[in-house]
Structure formats: C-alpha cells, structure tokens
Amino acid sequence: MSHTLTVQWTIEPQTAPRPWLACSRCGGQRAFVCSGKTRLNANGRRLDAWLIYRCAVCEDTWNRPIFERRTVTSVAPDALAALQSNDPAWIRQVAFDIEGLRQCTDRIEDLADSSVERRVLGGTVDSARLEIVVVARHASSPRVDRLLSAELALSRARLTKLEAAGRVTLLPESRKALQRPIRDGCRIVLDLTAEDDRAEIAQRARGGP
C-alpha cells in the first residue's frame, strides 16, 4: 500500500488581476477592473485593439492595449475573430496575462479567490504523507500558505511550524516554501506522520465523500 496520498489540484482564479492606475475622475491611484469587453478600431489598413477596464470606484474607463497599428494579415485569425465577438475565453486569457499587464503599470492587485478541482492520483487517507500536484494555467495564483490554509483548514501558524520542522516542502523550490506563489507543475509535500488529524487533513485534500 502506498504511504503517500497524491492528489492533483487544478486551480482556477476567479477574479482577474487589477491594475492600479491614475484615475482622472477620482484624482488619485485606483484599482481598475476588467470589463470583459474589447474595442477594435480600424485606421486605414491598420488595426488597434484594447481590453476595456473600469475604475472600481467611479467606473471611468482605461483601455489596455492588446496591439496597435497592426495590419489585418499580421493578426492571428482566431484572435481577430475573438476580438470581433468579445469571446469570453479569449478575453479571460488576456486579462490573466500578468506579464503583459506589467508593461502598463508597476502595481497589480492579484486577488486570491480561486476554485480548486481535486483528483486523487494514488494513495488513501490513511497515508502519512500528502503530495499535491498543482495545475495552474493562469499566472494569477495564491501563495502556498494561503492556498493550504484555505483548502486544508490549517492555520498559518500551524503551517509555519510544519515548515520550520522541515515537514512542508515545495518542489522544485523548497526554500521559504510557504511564501512562494503557486506555479503550474509544482508539487507541495506535507509530512503528516506526527499529526493526529492527518486523516481529516487528507480527506480535505482529496475532497469528495
């Protein structure tokens, strides 16, 4: 029998990152929220495209550039179709592109609300070791400590003690594991040997009955 319960957690952030920008109407820095709408403009034979954001306070708009001054033939057909139809899946992908957003602002508010889909890959709740394989397709993801605290119902203080005892590791990176952001393909390993409630923790990790 395996001594490790291995589960896969697929993480889907619920709220897109919010850039902080100078709002002309508010007169100060404000968080801007993705509206889920795009704007496509033709200027002669050139195209400009933006993703529309609104101030979280006054709803003033900011147009985030997707591309500028591009010829029609240089734009991928699926991207052009998505822009013309305001395709939600394509817009979500752009909205969660933090690296692209960093080209527009230095301050980005990355909200930690995420849904987690669980799948057991092996082992049972009686296992003394828990390994969580993370699937995170979007760069916007919570830190390890926030994820474990929310999904396993473990306090931050308890997680810190487990890490200090060398019983929480993050692969491939393990130094200061709890402070690391979740990344696609990473593995979180918890040694629950000395935990009296390890079966309950394992049950929460695997989900279901």
N, C-alpha and C. Protein backbone atom coordinates (compact mmCIF):
# COMPACT_ATOMS: atom_id res chain seq x y z
N MET A 1 0.85 -1.20 0.00
CA MET A 1 0.00 0.00 0.00
C MET A 1 0.88 1.25 0.00
N SER A 2 0.52 2.27 -0.77
CA SER A 2 1.30 3.49 -0.85
C SER A 2 1.23 4.26 0.47
N HIS A 3 2.38 4.81 0.89
CA HIS A 3 2.42 5.63 2.10
C HIS A 3 2.19 7.10 1.77
N THR A 4 1.93 7.40 0.51
CA THR A 4 1.71 8.79 0.08
C THR A 4 0.36 8.92 -0.61
N LEU A 5 -0.43 9.88 -0.15
CA LEU A 5 -1.66 10.24 -0.85
C LEU A 5 -1.28 11.34 -1.84
N THR A 6 -1.45 11.06 -3.11
CA THR A 6 -1.13 12.03 -4.15
C THR A 6 -2.41 12.53 -4.79
N VAL A 7 -2.59 13.84 -4.76
CA VAL A 7 -3.79 14.44 -5.34
C VAL A 7 -3.38 15.54 -6.31
N GLN A 8 -4.20 15.74 -7.29
CA GLN A 8 -3.98 16.83 -8.24
C GLN A 8 -4.99 17.94 -7.96
N TRP A 9 -4.49 19.16 -7.79
CA TRP A 9 -5.35 20.31 -7.60
C TRP A 9 -5.25 21.20 -8.83
N THR A 10 -6.37 21.40 -9.50
CA THR A 10 -6.43 22.32 -10.62
C THR A 10 -7.02 23.63 -10.12
N ILE A 11 -6.23 24.69 -10.20
CA ILE A 11 -6.60 25.98 -9.61
C ILE A 11 -7.07 26.94 -10.69
N GLU A 12 -8.26 27.48 -10.48
CA GLU A 12 -8.81 28.46 -11.40
C GLU A 12 -9.11 29.74 -10.64
N PRO A 13 -8.29 30.80 -10.82
CA PRO A 13 -8.59 32.07 -10.16
C PRO A 13 -9.92 32.63 -10.64
N GLN A 14 -10.67 33.23 -9.75
CA GLN A 14 -12.00 33.71 -10.09
C GLN A 14 -12.02 35.16 -10.53
N THR A 15 -11.07 35.95 -10.06
CA THR A 15 -11.04 37.38 -10.36
C THR A 15 -9.73 37.74 -11.02
N ALA A 16 -9.79 38.41 -12.15
CA ALA A 16 -8.58 38.80 -12.87
C ALA A 16 -7.77 39.82 -12.09
N PRO A 17 -6.46 39.85 -12.28
CA PRO A 17 -5.61 40.85 -11.62
C PRO A 17 -6.11 42.27 -11.94
N ARG A 18 -6.00 43.15 -10.94
CA ARG A 18 -6.49 44.52 -11.11
C ARG A 18 -5.32 45.50 -11.12
N PRO A 19 -5.08 46.17 -12.22
CA PRO A 19 -4.02 47.18 -12.25
C PRO A 19 -4.42 48.43 -11.47
N TRP A 20 -3.46 49.03 -10.80
CA TRP A 20 -3.68 50.31 -10.14
C TRP A 20 -3.12 51.40 -11.04
N LEU A 21 -3.99 52.37 -11.36
CA LEU A 21 -3.63 53.43 -12.30
C LEU A 21 -4.16 54.76 -11.79
N ALA A 22 -3.62 55.85 -12.34
CA ALA A 22 -4.12 57.18 -12.01
C ALA A 22 -5.49 57.37 -12.67
N CYS A 23 -6.50 57.58 -11.86
CA CYS A 23 -7.85 57.80 -12.40
C CYS A 23 -8.09 59.30 -12.52
N SER A 24 -8.35 59.76 -13.73
CA SER A 24 -8.53 61.20 -13.96
C SER A 24 -9.78 61.73 -13.26
N ARG A 25 -10.79 60.88 -13.11
CA ARG A 25 -12.03 61.34 -12.48
C ARG A 25 -11.91 61.36 -10.96
N CYS A 26 -11.26 60.34 -10.39
CA CYS A 26 -11.09 60.27 -8.93
C CYS A 26 -9.97 61.19 -8.45
N GLY A 27 -8.98 61.42 -9.32
CA GLY A 27 -7.87 62.27 -8.93
C GLY A 27 -6.82 61.57 -8.10
N GLY A 28 -6.70 60.26 -8.24
CA GLY A 28 -5.69 59.50 -7.49
C GLY A 28 -5.56 58.10 -8.05
N GLN A 29 -4.69 57.31 -7.43
CA GLN A 29 -4.49 55.93 -7.85
C GLN A 29 -5.68 55.08 -7.44
N ARG A 30 -6.19 54.29 -8.38
CA ARG A 30 -7.33 53.43 -8.11
C ARG A 30 -7.13 52.08 -8.80
N ALA A 31 -7.79 51.04 -8.26
CA ALA A 31 -7.79 49.74 -8.91
C ALA A 31 -8.77 49.78 -10.08
N PHE A 32 -8.35 49.16 -11.20
CA PHE A 32 -9.22 49.09 -12.37
C PHE A 32 -9.59 47.63 -12.62
N VAL A 33 -10.85 47.40 -12.97
CA VAL A 33 -11.41 46.06 -13.10
C VAL A 33 -11.69 45.76 -14.58
N CYS A 34 -11.31 44.57 -15.01
CA CYS A 34 -11.57 44.17 -16.39
C CYS A 34 -13.08 44.09 -16.64
N SER A 35 -13.53 44.72 -17.71
CA SER A 35 -14.97 44.75 -18.02
C SER A 35 -15.42 43.52 -18.80
N GLY A 36 -14.44 42.76 -19.35
CA GLY A 36 -14.79 41.63 -20.19
C GLY A 36 -15.15 42.04 -21.60
N LYS A 37 -14.88 43.29 -21.95
CA LYS A 37 -15.18 43.80 -23.29
C LYS A 37 -13.90 44.30 -23.97
N THR A 38 -13.87 44.16 -25.28
CA THR A 38 -12.75 44.66 -26.05
C THR A 38 -13.21 45.77 -26.99
N ARG A 39 -12.23 46.48 -27.51
CA ARG A 39 -12.52 47.51 -28.51
C ARG A 39 -11.55 47.29 -29.67
N LEU A 40 -12.09 47.23 -30.87
CA LEU A 40 -11.28 47.02 -32.08
C LEU A 40 -11.53 48.19 -33.01
N ASN A 41 -10.45 48.83 -33.44
CA ASN A 41 -10.58 50.02 -34.27
C ASN A 41 -9.72 49.89 -35.53
N ALA A 42 -10.31 50.21 -36.67
CA ALA A 42 -9.58 50.18 -37.94
C ALA A 42 -9.21 51.59 -38.33
N ASN A 43 -7.94 51.77 -38.64
CA ASN A 43 -7.44 53.08 -39.09
C ASN A 43 -6.73 52.86 -40.42
N GLY A 44 -7.47 53.03 -41.49
CA GLY A 44 -6.93 52.68 -42.79
C GLY A 44 -6.77 51.17 -42.88
N ARG A 45 -5.58 50.72 -43.17
CA ARG A 45 -5.30 49.29 -43.23
C ARG A 45 -4.70 48.75 -41.94
N ARG A 46 -4.70 49.56 -40.92
CA ARG A 46 -4.12 49.18 -39.63
C ARG A 46 -5.21 48.97 -38.59
N LEU A 47 -4.92 48.07 -37.64
CA LEU A 47 -5.87 47.77 -36.56
C LEU A 47 -5.26 48.10 -35.20
N ASP A 48 -6.12 48.59 -34.32
CA ASP A 48 -5.77 48.77 -32.91
C ASP A 48 -6.78 47.99 -32.09
N ALA A 49 -6.33 47.37 -31.00
CA ALA A 49 -7.24 46.60 -30.14
C ALA A 49 -6.91 46.87 -28.68
N TRP A 50 -7.95 46.98 -27.89
CA TRP A 50 -7.78 47.22 -26.46
C TRP A 50 -8.73 46.34 -25.65
N LEU A 51 -8.33 46.07 -24.41
CA LEU A 51 -9.21 45.43 -23.43
C LEU A 51 -9.66 46.52 -22.48
N ILE A 52 -10.95 46.66 -22.30
CA ILE A 52 -11.52 47.79 -21.55
C ILE A 52 -11.60 47.45 -20.06
N TYR A 53 -11.06 48.36 -19.25
CA TYR A 53 -11.13 48.27 -17.79
C TYR A 53 -11.93 49.45 -17.26
N ARG A 54 -12.49 49.28 -16.05
CA ARG A 54 -13.22 50.36 -15.40
C ARG A 54 -12.71 50.58 -13.98
N CYS A 55 -12.66 51.83 -13.59
CA CYS A 55 -12.25 52.17 -12.22
C CYS A 55 -13.21 51.52 -11.24
N ALA A 56 -12.67 50.90 -10.19
CA ALA A 56 -13.50 50.21 -9.20
C ALA A 56 -14.32 51.17 -8.37
N VAL A 57 -13.97 52.47 -8.41
CA VAL A 57 -14.68 53.47 -7.60
C VAL A 57 -15.70 54.23 -8.44
N CYS A 58 -15.24 54.81 -9.56
CA CYS A 58 -16.13 55.69 -10.33
C CYS A 58 -16.52 55.14 -11.69
N GLU A 59 -15.94 54.00 -12.09
CA GLU A 59 -16.21 53.33 -13.37
C GLU A 59 -15.70 54.11 -14.58
N ASP A 60 -14.77 55.04 -14.37
CA ASP A 60 -14.09 55.65 -15.50
C ASP A 60 -13.34 54.55 -16.25
N THR A 61 -13.13 54.70 -17.54
CA THR A 61 -12.56 53.61 -18.33
C THR A 61 -11.07 53.82 -18.61
N TRP A 62 -10.39 52.71 -18.78
CA TRP A 62 -9.00 52.68 -19.24
C TRP A 62 -8.90 51.58 -20.29
N ASN A 63 -8.29 51.89 -21.42
CA ASN A 63 -8.13 50.92 -22.49
C ASN A 63 -6.73 50.33 -22.44
N ARG A 64 -6.65 49.05 -22.12
CA ARG A 64 -5.36 48.36 -22.07
C ARG A 64 -5.00 47.90 -23.48
N PRO A 65 -3.87 48.33 -24.02
CA PRO A 65 -3.52 47.94 -25.39
C PRO A 65 -3.29 46.44 -25.52
N ILE A 66 -3.89 45.85 -26.51
CA ILE A 66 -3.61 44.45 -26.88
C ILE A 66 -2.61 44.45 -28.02
N PHE A 67 -2.88 45.26 -29.03
CA PHE A 67 -1.89 45.55 -30.07
C PHE A 67 -2.27 46.88 -30.72
N GLU A 68 -1.29 47.50 -31.37
CA GLU A 68 -1.51 48.79 -32.01
C GLU A 68 -0.87 48.81 -33.40
N ARG A 69 -1.56 49.46 -34.33
CA ARG A 69 -1.03 49.69 -35.67
C ARG A 69 -0.63 48.40 -36.37
N ARG A 70 -1.44 47.37 -36.25
CA ARG A 70 -1.15 46.08 -36.88
C ARG A 70 -1.96 45.93 -38.16
N THR A 71 -1.34 45.34 -39.17
CA THR A 71 -2.08 45.03 -40.39
C THR A 71 -3.00 43.85 -40.12
N VAL A 72 -4.08 43.77 -40.86
CA VAL A 72 -5.04 42.69 -40.67
C VAL A 72 -4.38 41.33 -40.86
N THR A 73 -3.51 41.23 -41.87
CA THR A 73 -2.87 39.94 -42.16
C THR A 73 -1.88 39.51 -41.08
N SER A 74 -1.42 40.44 -40.22
CA SER A 74 -0.47 40.09 -39.16
C SER A 74 -1.15 39.65 -37.87
N VAL A 75 -2.47 39.76 -37.83
CA VAL A 75 -3.22 39.35 -36.65
C VAL A 75 -3.73 37.92 -36.85
N ALA A 76 -3.49 37.06 -35.89
CA ALA A 76 -3.93 35.67 -35.99
C ALA A 76 -5.45 35.63 -36.19
N PRO A 77 -5.93 34.80 -37.11
CA PRO A 77 -7.37 34.75 -37.40
C PRO A 77 -8.23 34.47 -36.17
N ASP A 78 -7.76 33.56 -35.27
CA ASP A 78 -8.57 33.26 -34.09
C ASP A 78 -8.63 34.46 -33.15
N ALA A 79 -7.53 35.23 -33.06
CA ALA A 79 -7.53 36.43 -32.22
C ALA A 79 -8.46 37.48 -32.79
N LEU A 80 -8.44 37.64 -34.09
CA LEU A 80 -9.31 38.62 -34.73
C LEU A 80 -10.77 38.24 -34.55
N ALA A 81 -11.09 36.97 -34.70
CA ALA A 81 -12.46 36.51 -34.50
C ALA A 81 -12.90 36.71 -33.06
N ALA A 82 -11.99 36.45 -32.12
CA ALA A 82 -12.31 36.62 -30.69
C ALA A 82 -12.57 38.08 -30.36
N LEU A 83 -11.79 38.98 -30.94
CA LEU A 83 -11.98 40.41 -30.72
C LEU A 83 -13.31 40.89 -31.30
N GLN A 84 -13.66 40.38 -32.46
CA GLN A 84 -14.89 40.81 -33.11
C GLN A 84 -16.13 40.30 -32.38
N SER A 85 -16.00 39.18 -31.67
CA SER A 85 -17.15 38.58 -30.99
C SER A 85 -17.11 38.75 -29.47
N ASN A 86 -16.06 39.41 -28.95
CA ASN A 86 -15.87 39.51 -27.50
C ASN A 86 -15.90 38.13 -26.84
N ASP A 87 -15.09 37.21 -27.39
CA ASP A 87 -15.07 35.83 -26.90
C ASP A 87 -14.61 35.79 -25.44
N PRO A 88 -15.44 35.30 -24.51
CA PRO A 88 -15.10 35.32 -23.08
C PRO A 88 -13.83 34.55 -22.72
N ALA A 89 -13.63 33.38 -23.34
CA ALA A 89 -12.45 32.56 -23.02
C ALA A 89 -11.17 33.27 -23.45
N TRP A 90 -11.19 33.88 -24.63
CA TRP A 90 -10.00 34.58 -25.13
C TRP A 90 -9.73 35.82 -24.29
N ILE A 91 -10.78 36.54 -23.93
CA ILE A 91 -10.63 37.74 -23.10
C ILE A 91 -10.08 37.37 -21.72
N ARG A 92 -10.54 36.25 -21.16
CA ARG A 92 -10.06 35.80 -19.86
C ARG A 92 -8.55 35.53 -19.92
N GLN A 93 -8.11 34.93 -21.00
CA GLN A 93 -6.69 34.62 -21.16
C GLN A 93 -5.86 35.91 -21.16
N VAL A 94 -6.34 36.91 -21.86
CA VAL A 94 -5.62 38.19 -21.90
C VAL A 94 -5.67 38.87 -20.53
N ALA A 95 -6.83 38.83 -19.88
CA ALA A 95 -6.99 39.50 -18.59
C ALA A 95 -6.07 38.93 -17.53
N PHE A 96 -5.75 37.63 -17.63
CA PHE A 96 -4.89 36.98 -16.65
C PHE A 96 -3.41 36.99 -17.06
N ASP A 97 -3.10 37.68 -18.13
CA ASP A 97 -1.71 37.80 -18.57
C ASP A 97 -1.02 38.89 -17.75
N ILE A 98 -0.48 38.50 -16.60
CA ILE A 98 0.14 39.47 -15.69
C ILE A 98 1.38 40.10 -16.32
N GLU A 99 2.17 39.31 -17.04
CA GLU A 99 3.38 39.85 -17.64
C GLU A 99 3.03 40.97 -18.63
N GLY A 100 1.99 40.78 -19.39
CA GLY A 100 1.55 41.83 -20.30
C GLY A 100 1.05 43.05 -19.55
N LEU A 101 0.36 42.81 -18.44
CA LEU A 101 -0.18 43.91 -17.64
C LEU A 101 0.94 44.72 -16.99
N ARG A 102 2.03 44.06 -16.67
CA ARG A 102 3.16 44.77 -16.03
C ARG A 102 3.80 45.79 -16.97
N GLN A 103 3.53 45.68 -18.25
CA GLN A 103 4.05 46.67 -19.19
C GLN A 103 3.27 47.98 -19.11
N CYS A 104 2.13 47.94 -18.41
CA CYS A 104 1.27 49.12 -18.31
C CYS A 104 1.33 49.78 -16.93
N THR A 105 1.71 49.02 -15.90
CA THR A 105 1.70 49.55 -14.54
C THR A 105 2.65 48.75 -13.66
N ASP A 106 3.15 49.39 -12.62
CA ASP A 106 4.05 48.71 -11.67
C ASP A 106 3.27 48.07 -10.53
N ARG A 107 2.02 48.47 -10.35
CA ARG A 107 1.24 47.95 -9.23
C ARG A 107 0.05 47.14 -9.74
N ILE A 108 0.02 45.87 -9.35
CA ILE A 108 -1.06 44.98 -9.75
C ILE A 108 -1.63 44.29 -8.52
N GLU A 109 -2.91 44.36 -8.35
CA GLU A 109 -3.59 43.70 -7.23
C GLU A 109 -4.04 42.32 -7.70
N ASP A 110 -3.39 41.31 -7.13
CA ASP A 110 -3.69 39.92 -7.53
C ASP A 110 -4.55 39.29 -6.45
N LEU A 111 -5.85 39.20 -6.67
CA LEU A 111 -6.78 38.68 -5.67
C LEU A 111 -6.62 37.17 -5.54
N ALA A 112 -6.85 36.68 -4.31
CA ALA A 112 -6.52 35.29 -4.00
C ALA A 112 -7.71 34.33 -4.12
N ASP A 113 -8.85 34.83 -4.59
CA ASP A 113 -10.02 33.94 -4.67
C ASP A 113 -9.89 32.98 -5.84
N SER A 114 -9.88 31.70 -5.53
CA SER A 114 -9.71 30.67 -6.55
C SER A 114 -10.61 29.48 -6.25
N SER A 115 -11.00 28.77 -7.29
CA SER A 115 -11.68 27.50 -7.11
C SER A 115 -10.66 26.39 -7.33
N VAL A 116 -10.83 25.27 -6.62
CA VAL A 116 -9.88 24.16 -6.71
C VAL A 116 -10.63 22.88 -7.06
N GLU A 117 -10.25 22.29 -8.17
CA GLU A 117 -10.81 21.00 -8.58
C GLU A 117 -9.83 19.91 -8.18
N ARG A 118 -10.31 18.88 -7.44
CA ARG A 118 -9.43 17.86 -6.89
C ARG A 118 -9.58 16.53 -7.64
N ARG A 119 -8.45 15.84 -7.77
CA ARG A 119 -8.48 14.49 -8.35
C ARG A 119 -7.42 13.64 -7.67
N VAL A 120 -7.82 12.47 -7.18
CA VAL A 120 -6.89 11.57 -6.50
C VAL A 120 -6.08 10.80 -7.54
N LEU A 121 -4.74 10.85 -7.38
CA LEU A 121 -3.86 10.13 -8.29
C LEU A 121 -3.35 8.82 -7.70
N GLY A 122 -3.41 8.72 -6.35
CA GLY A 122 -2.95 7.49 -5.71
C GLY A 122 -2.93 7.63 -4.20
N GLY A 123 -2.95 6.50 -3.50
CA GLY A 123 -2.90 6.51 -2.04
C GLY A 123 -4.28 6.63 -1.40
N THR A 124 -4.28 6.61 -0.06
CA THR A 124 -5.52 6.68 0.71
C THR A 124 -5.40 7.72 1.80
N VAL A 125 -6.51 7.98 2.49
CA VAL A 125 -6.50 8.99 3.57
C VAL A 125 -5.69 8.51 4.76
N ASP A 126 -5.33 7.23 4.82
CA ASP A 126 -4.51 6.71 5.92
C ASP A 126 -3.02 6.97 5.69
N SER A 127 -2.67 7.50 4.54
CA SER A 127 -1.27 7.75 4.21
C SER A 127 -0.68 8.82 5.13
N ALA A 128 0.59 8.65 5.46
CA ALA A 128 1.26 9.59 6.37
C ALA A 128 1.87 10.78 5.63
N ARG A 129 1.87 10.71 4.31
CA ARG A 129 2.49 11.76 3.50
C ARG A 129 1.49 12.23 2.46
N LEU A 130 1.40 13.54 2.30
CA LEU A 130 0.47 14.12 1.34
C LEU A 130 1.26 14.88 0.28
N GLU A 131 1.00 14.57 -0.98
CA GLU A 131 1.65 15.27 -2.07
C GLU A 131 0.59 15.86 -2.98
N ILE A 132 0.67 17.18 -3.19
CA ILE A 132 -0.30 17.90 -4.01
C ILE A 132 0.38 18.34 -5.30
N VAL A 133 -0.13 17.85 -6.42
CA VAL A 133 0.39 18.23 -7.73
C VAL A 133 -0.50 19.35 -8.26
N VAL A 134 0.11 20.49 -8.57
CA VAL A 134 -0.66 21.68 -8.91
C VAL A 134 -0.74 21.89 -10.42
N VAL A 135 -1.97 22.13 -10.87
CA VAL A 135 -2.20 22.57 -12.25
C VAL A 135 -2.74 23.99 -12.16
N ALA A 136 -1.96 24.96 -12.64
CA ALA A 136 -2.36 26.37 -12.58
C ALA A 136 -2.05 27.00 -13.93
N ARG A 137 -3.05 27.04 -14.79
CA ARG A 137 -2.81 27.51 -16.16
C ARG A 137 -2.67 29.01 -16.26
N HIS A 138 -3.17 29.73 -15.24
CA HIS A 138 -3.05 31.18 -15.24
C HIS A 138 -1.98 31.60 -14.25
N ALA A 139 -1.25 32.66 -14.58
CA ALA A 139 -0.16 33.12 -13.71
C ALA A 139 -0.70 33.67 -12.39
N SER A 140 -1.94 34.12 -12.39
CA SER A 140 -2.53 34.66 -11.17
C SER A 140 -2.94 33.53 -10.24
N SER A 141 -2.16 33.32 -9.18
CA SER A 141 -2.43 32.24 -8.24
C SER A 141 -2.00 32.67 -6.84
N PRO A 142 -2.63 32.09 -5.80
CA PRO A 142 -2.28 32.48 -4.43
C PRO A 142 -0.94 31.92 -3.99
N ARG A 143 -0.44 32.42 -2.85
CA ARG A 143 0.76 31.86 -2.26
C ARG A 143 0.44 30.49 -1.68
N VAL A 144 1.48 29.71 -1.44
CA VAL A 144 1.31 28.35 -0.92
C VAL A 144 0.59 28.37 0.42
N ASP A 145 1.00 29.28 1.33
CA ASP A 145 0.37 29.29 2.66
C ASP A 145 -1.11 29.64 2.59
N ARG A 146 -1.48 30.57 1.72
CA ARG A 146 -2.88 30.95 1.59
C ARG A 146 -3.72 29.80 1.02
N LEU A 147 -3.15 29.13 0.03
CA LEU A 147 -3.87 28.01 -0.58
C LEU A 147 -4.09 26.89 0.42
N LEU A 148 -3.03 26.48 1.13
CA LEU A 148 -3.14 25.37 2.09
C LEU A 148 -4.05 25.74 3.25
N SER A 149 -3.95 26.97 3.72
CA SER A 149 -4.80 27.39 4.83
C SER A 149 -6.28 27.34 4.44
N ALA A 150 -6.59 27.80 3.22
CA ALA A 150 -7.98 27.83 2.78
C ALA A 150 -8.53 26.45 2.46
N GLU A 151 -7.72 25.61 1.82
CA GLU A 151 -8.22 24.33 1.32
C GLU A 151 -8.07 23.18 2.31
N LEU A 152 -7.12 23.28 3.24
CA LEU A 152 -6.92 22.21 4.22
C LEU A 152 -7.39 22.60 5.61
N ALA A 153 -7.89 23.84 5.76
CA ALA A 153 -8.36 24.35 7.06
C ALA A 153 -7.26 24.29 8.11
N LEU A 154 -6.05 24.67 7.72
CA LEU A 154 -4.91 24.73 8.63
C LEU A 154 -4.54 26.19 8.84
N SER A 155 -4.28 26.54 10.10
CA SER A 155 -3.92 27.92 10.39
C SER A 155 -2.53 28.24 9.84
N ARG A 156 -2.29 29.52 9.58
CA ARG A 156 -0.98 29.93 9.10
C ARG A 156 0.10 29.57 10.13
N ALA A 157 -0.24 29.73 11.42
CA ALA A 157 0.74 29.43 12.48
C ALA A 157 1.13 27.96 12.45
N ARG A 158 0.16 27.10 12.24
CA ARG A 158 0.45 25.67 12.21
C ARG A 158 1.29 25.32 10.99
N LEU A 159 0.98 25.92 9.86
CA LEU A 159 1.76 25.67 8.65
C LEU A 159 3.20 26.15 8.83
N THR A 160 3.37 27.28 9.51
CA THR A 160 4.72 27.80 9.76
C THR A 160 5.53 26.84 10.62
N LYS A 161 4.88 26.24 11.61
CA LYS A 161 5.56 25.26 12.47
C LYS A 161 5.95 24.02 11.68
N LEU A 162 5.06 23.57 10.80
CA LEU A 162 5.36 22.41 9.97
C LEU A 162 6.55 22.70 9.04
N GLU A 163 6.57 23.90 8.50
CA GLU A 163 7.68 24.26 7.62
C GLU A 163 8.99 24.34 8.39
N ALA A 164 8.94 24.92 9.62
CA ALA A 164 10.15 25.04 10.44
C ALA A 164 10.71 23.66 10.81
N ALA A 165 9.80 22.69 10.91
CA ALA A 165 10.23 21.32 11.23
C ALA A 165 10.64 20.54 9.99
N GLY A 166 10.62 21.19 8.83
CA GLY A 166 11.01 20.52 7.59
C GLY A 166 9.96 19.58 7.06
N ARG A 167 8.71 19.81 7.42
CA ARG A 167 7.65 18.89 7.03
C ARG A 167 6.70 19.47 5.98
N VAL A 168 7.06 20.64 5.45
CA VAL A 168 6.38 21.20 4.28
C VAL A 168 7.45 21.60 3.28
N THR A 169 7.38 21.05 2.10
CA THR A 169 8.34 21.40 1.06
C THR A 169 7.62 21.69 -0.25
N LEU A 170 8.28 22.49 -1.06
CA LEU A 170 7.74 22.84 -2.37
C LEU A 170 8.77 22.43 -3.41
N LEU A 171 8.35 21.62 -4.35
CA LEU A 171 9.24 21.15 -5.40
C LEU A 171 8.84 21.79 -6.73
N PRO A 172 9.80 22.33 -7.51
CA PRO A 172 11.24 22.15 -7.35
C PRO A 172 11.89 23.11 -6.36
N GLU A 173 11.20 24.16 -5.91
CA GLU A 173 11.79 25.10 -4.97
C GLU A 173 11.28 24.78 -3.57
N SER A 174 12.18 24.75 -2.58
CA SER A 174 11.74 24.41 -1.23
C SER A 174 12.06 25.49 -0.21
N ARG A 175 12.96 26.41 -0.52
CA ARG A 175 13.31 27.45 0.44
C ARG A 175 12.16 28.44 0.60
N LYS A 176 11.76 28.68 1.86
CA LYS A 176 10.62 29.55 2.16
C LYS A 176 9.40 29.12 1.33
N ALA A 177 9.09 27.86 1.42
CA ALA A 177 8.04 27.28 0.57
C ALA A 177 6.69 27.98 0.73
N LEU A 178 6.33 28.31 1.96
CA LEU A 178 5.01 28.87 2.20
C LEU A 178 4.81 30.24 1.56
N GLN A 179 5.90 30.96 1.34
CA GLN A 179 5.80 32.30 0.79
C GLN A 179 5.83 32.32 -0.74
N ARG A 180 6.04 31.16 -1.33
CA ARG A 180 6.14 31.10 -2.79
C ARG A 180 4.75 31.17 -3.43
N PRO A 181 4.66 31.83 -4.59
CA PRO A 181 3.39 31.78 -5.32
C PRO A 181 3.23 30.41 -5.97
N ILE A 182 2.00 29.98 -6.11
CA ILE A 182 1.71 28.71 -6.77
C ILE A 182 2.07 28.82 -8.25
N ARG A 183 2.72 27.79 -8.77
CA ARG A 183 3.07 27.76 -10.18
C ARG A 183 2.64 26.42 -10.78
N ASP A 184 2.31 26.47 -12.04
CA ASP A 184 1.88 25.26 -12.74
C ASP A 184 2.98 24.20 -12.69
N GLY A 185 2.59 22.98 -12.30
CA GLY A 185 3.53 21.86 -12.25
C GLY A 185 4.28 21.70 -10.95
N CYS A 186 4.13 22.63 -10.02
CA CYS A 186 4.83 22.48 -8.74
C CYS A 186 4.16 21.40 -7.89
N ARG A 187 4.92 20.90 -6.92
CA ARG A 187 4.41 19.86 -6.02
C ARG A 187 4.62 20.31 -4.59
N ILE A 188 3.55 20.24 -3.80
CA ILE A 188 3.60 20.59 -2.38
C ILE A 188 3.55 19.29 -1.59
N VAL A 189 4.55 19.07 -0.74
CA VAL A 189 4.64 17.82 0.01
C VAL A 189 4.54 18.12 1.50
N LEU A 190 3.61 17.43 2.17
CA LEU A 190 3.44 17.57 3.62
C LEU A 190 3.65 16.23 4.29
N ASP A 191 4.52 16.21 5.30
CA ASP A 191 4.73 15.02 6.12
C ASP A 191 3.77 15.12 7.31
N LEU A 192 2.76 14.26 7.32
CA LEU A 192 1.71 14.31 8.35
C LEU A 192 1.88 13.21 9.40
N THR A 193 3.05 12.60 9.45
CA THR A 193 3.27 11.45 10.34
C THR A 193 2.88 11.74 11.77
N ALA A 194 3.25 12.91 12.27
CA ALA A 194 3.03 13.23 13.68
C ALA A 194 1.71 13.95 13.94
N GLU A 195 0.89 14.11 12.92
CA GLU A 195 -0.37 14.85 13.08
C GLU A 195 -1.52 13.91 13.42
N ASP A 196 -2.15 14.13 14.56
CA ASP A 196 -3.25 13.27 15.00
C ASP A 196 -4.44 13.34 14.05
N ASP A 197 -4.61 14.47 13.38
CA ASP A 197 -5.76 14.64 12.49
C ASP A 197 -5.37 14.48 11.02
N ARG A 198 -4.31 13.68 10.76
CA ARG A 198 -3.84 13.55 9.38
C ARG A 198 -4.90 12.97 8.44
N ALA A 199 -5.77 12.08 8.95
CA ALA A 199 -6.82 11.52 8.09
C ALA A 199 -7.80 12.60 7.67
N GLU A 200 -8.12 13.52 8.59
CA GLU A 200 -9.04 14.61 8.27
C GLU A 200 -8.40 15.58 7.27
N ILE A 201 -7.10 15.85 7.45
CA ILE A 201 -6.39 16.73 6.51
C ILE A 201 -6.37 16.09 5.13
N ALA A 202 -6.07 14.79 5.09
CA ALA A 202 -6.02 14.08 3.82
C ALA A 202 -7.39 14.07 3.14
N GLN A 203 -8.43 13.91 3.94
CA GLN A 203 -9.79 13.91 3.37
C GLN A 203 -10.11 15.25 2.73
N ARG A 204 -9.71 16.33 3.41
CA ARG A 204 -9.95 17.67 2.84
C ARG A 204 -9.13 17.85 1.57
N ALA A 205 -7.94 17.28 1.54
CA ALA A 205 -7.08 17.41 0.37
C ALA A 205 -7.67 16.70 -0.84
N ARG A 206 -8.26 15.53 -0.62
CA ARG A 206 -8.78 14.73 -1.73
C ARG A 206 -10.20 15.11 -2.12
N GLY A 207 -10.95 15.71 -1.17
CA GLY A 207 -12.32 16.11 -1.45
C GLY A 207 -13.23 14.90 -1.60
N GLY A 208 -14.48 15.15 -1.88
CA GLY A 208 -15.43 14.05 -2.09
C GLY A 208 -15.79 13.35 -0.80
N PRO A 209 -16.57 12.26 -0.87
CA PRO A 209 -17.01 11.54 0.31
C PRO A 209 -15.88 10.76 0.96
